[in-house]
Protein backbone atom coordinates (compact mmCIF):
# COMPACT_ATOMS: atom_id res chain seq x y z
CA MET A 1 -4.32 15.47 -5.12
CA GLY A 2 -1.70 15.72 -2.40
CA LEU A 3 0.84 12.95 -2.33
CA LYS A 4 1.13 10.96 0.87
CA HIS A 5 4.49 9.25 0.34
CA HIS A 6 6.22 11.45 -2.23
CA LYS A 7 5.45 14.90 -0.84
CA THR A 8 8.27 16.65 -2.71
CA LEU A 9 7.35 15.14 -6.07
CA SER A 10 5.09 17.17 -8.34
CA PRO A 11 3.65 16.12 -11.70
CA GLU A 12 5.95 18.66 -13.35
CA LYS A 13 9.04 17.21 -11.69
CA TRP A 14 7.89 13.64 -12.37
CA SER A 15 7.32 14.42 -16.06
CA SER A 16 10.91 15.67 -16.30
CA PHE A 17 12.15 12.11 -15.67
CA PRO A 18 12.40 9.80 -18.67
CA PHE A 19 9.76 7.07 -18.80
CA SER A 20 12.41 4.42 -18.18
CA ARG A 21 13.33 6.05 -14.86
CA GLN A 22 9.68 6.32 -13.87
CA VAL A 23 9.23 2.61 -14.60
CA LEU A 24 12.32 1.71 -12.58
CA MET A 25 11.12 3.76 -9.60
CA MET A 26 7.74 1.99 -9.68
CA ALA A 27 9.51 -1.35 -10.14
CA ASN A 28 11.64 -0.62 -7.09
CA GLU A 29 8.50 -0.43 -4.96
CA LEU A 30 7.15 -3.68 -6.38
CA ASN A 31 10.50 -5.33 -5.75
CA ARG A 32 10.43 -4.15 -2.13
CA ALA A 33 6.88 -5.49 -1.79
CA GLY A 34 8.09 -8.88 -2.99
CA VAL A 35 10.76 -8.89 -0.30
CA TRP A 36 8.21 -8.08 2.39
CA ILE A 37 5.77 -10.68 1.07
CA GLY A 38 8.60 -13.22 1.26
CA LYS A 39 9.24 -12.18 4.86
CA ASN A 40 5.52 -12.60 5.59
CA ASP A 41 5.03 -8.93 6.47
CA PRO A 42 1.82 -7.82 4.74
CA VAL A 43 1.80 -4.40 6.42
CA GLU A 44 5.12 -3.37 4.87
CA ALA A 45 4.12 -4.93 1.53
CA LYS A 46 0.97 -2.81 1.57
CA PHE A 47 3.04 0.34 2.15
CA CYS A 48 5.15 -0.57 -0.89
CA TYR A 49 2.00 -1.01 -2.97
CA GLU A 50 0.74 2.37 -1.78
CA ARG A 51 3.96 4.03 -2.93
CA ALA A 52 3.87 2.18 -6.27
CA LEU A 53 0.24 3.20 -6.82
CA GLU A 54 1.10 6.80 -6.03
CA LEU A 55 3.91 6.76 -8.61
CA MET A 56 1.58 5.12 -11.13
CA TRP A 57 -0.97 7.87 -10.51
CA LEU A 58 1.71 10.45 -11.25
CA THR A 59 2.79 8.61 -14.39
CA VAL A 60 -0.78 8.31 -15.67
CA SER A 61 -1.28 12.03 -15.11
CA VAL A 62 1.72 12.99 -17.27
CA LEU A 63 2.00 10.14 -19.79
CA GLY A 64 1.13 11.13 -23.31
CA GLU A 65 1.63 7.89 -25.20
CA ARG A 66 -1.76 6.23 -25.45
CA ARG A 67 -0.56 2.61 -25.84
CA LYS A 68 1.65 2.79 -22.76
CA LEU A 69 -1.08 4.61 -20.87
CA ARG A 70 -3.61 1.87 -21.58
CA GLU A 71 -1.24 -0.87 -20.40
CA LEU A 72 -0.20 1.08 -17.33
CA LEU A 73 -3.85 1.60 -16.37
CA ARG A 74 -4.44 -2.15 -16.68
CA LEU A 75 -1.46 -2.86 -14.47
CA ARG A 76 -2.62 -0.24 -11.98
CA GLY A 77 -5.95 -2.05 -11.73
CA VAL A 78 -4.23 -5.36 -11.00
CA LEU A 79 -1.97 -3.68 -8.45
CA ALA A 80 -4.96 -2.03 -6.76
CA LEU A 81 -6.65 -5.42 -6.40
CA SER A 82 -3.45 -6.86 -4.96
CA TYR A 83 -3.29 -3.94 -2.56
CA LEU A 84 -6.76 -4.81 -1.32
CA ASN A 85 -5.86 -8.50 -0.99
CA VAL A 86 -2.44 -8.25 0.65
CA PRO A 87 -0.73 -10.54 1.32
CA CYS A 88 -0.57 -11.76 -2.24
CA GLU A 89 1.69 -14.49 -3.55
CA VAL A 90 5.34 -13.79 -4.34
CA LYS A 91 4.80 -15.15 -7.87
CA ASP A 92 1.90 -12.72 -8.46
CA ASN A 93 4.05 -9.81 -7.33
CA ALA A 94 6.84 -11.00 -9.64
CA ALA A 95 4.39 -11.16 -12.55
CA MET A 96 3.29 -7.56 -11.91
CA LEU A 97 6.94 -6.48 -11.75
CA LYS A 98 7.73 -8.19 -15.04
CA ALA A 99 4.65 -6.66 -16.71
CA LEU A 100 5.73 -3.22 -15.52
CA LEU A 101 9.27 -3.66 -16.82
CA LEU A 102 7.96 -4.82 -20.20
CA LEU A 103 6.36 -1.39 -20.65
CA ASP A 104 9.82 0.04 -21.34
CA THR A 105 12.50 -1.77 -23.31
CA ASN A 106 15.38 0.11 -21.68
CA SER A 107 14.20 -0.70 -18.16
CA TYR A 108 13.66 -4.34 -19.03
CA ARG A 109 17.11 -4.68 -20.61
CA LEU A 110 18.75 -2.93 -17.68
CA LEU A 111 17.40 -5.48 -15.22
CA ASN A 112 17.46 -8.46 -17.61
CA PRO A 113 20.63 -8.19 -19.69
CA PRO A 114 20.94 -10.60 -22.61
CA PRO A 115 23.28 -13.53 -22.04
CA SER A 116 26.77 -13.01 -23.43
């Protein structure tokens, strides 16, 4: 499958990134989508979802850990439905973002540091 948005990214290159970085790159696209949903621009939000789905496809193709794979596939299904129903609610986008970040402890902690 040729990539539409990430033309220079191959499965081999993507698999060289740690899972936490992969999660953060997917989360970045969901975060951008939330911004565009808040600005009432469904076209740009849909582009963000396309990029996130493309990164999820890459992750699924290289991910070896079965538990994470199962949860990522579930999230990909929810994201695909949201893609078809754009514009979705900001709160729904935030829930998908949180679910994605919970797949990796390091990514979650990076964006949600414990109170000091």
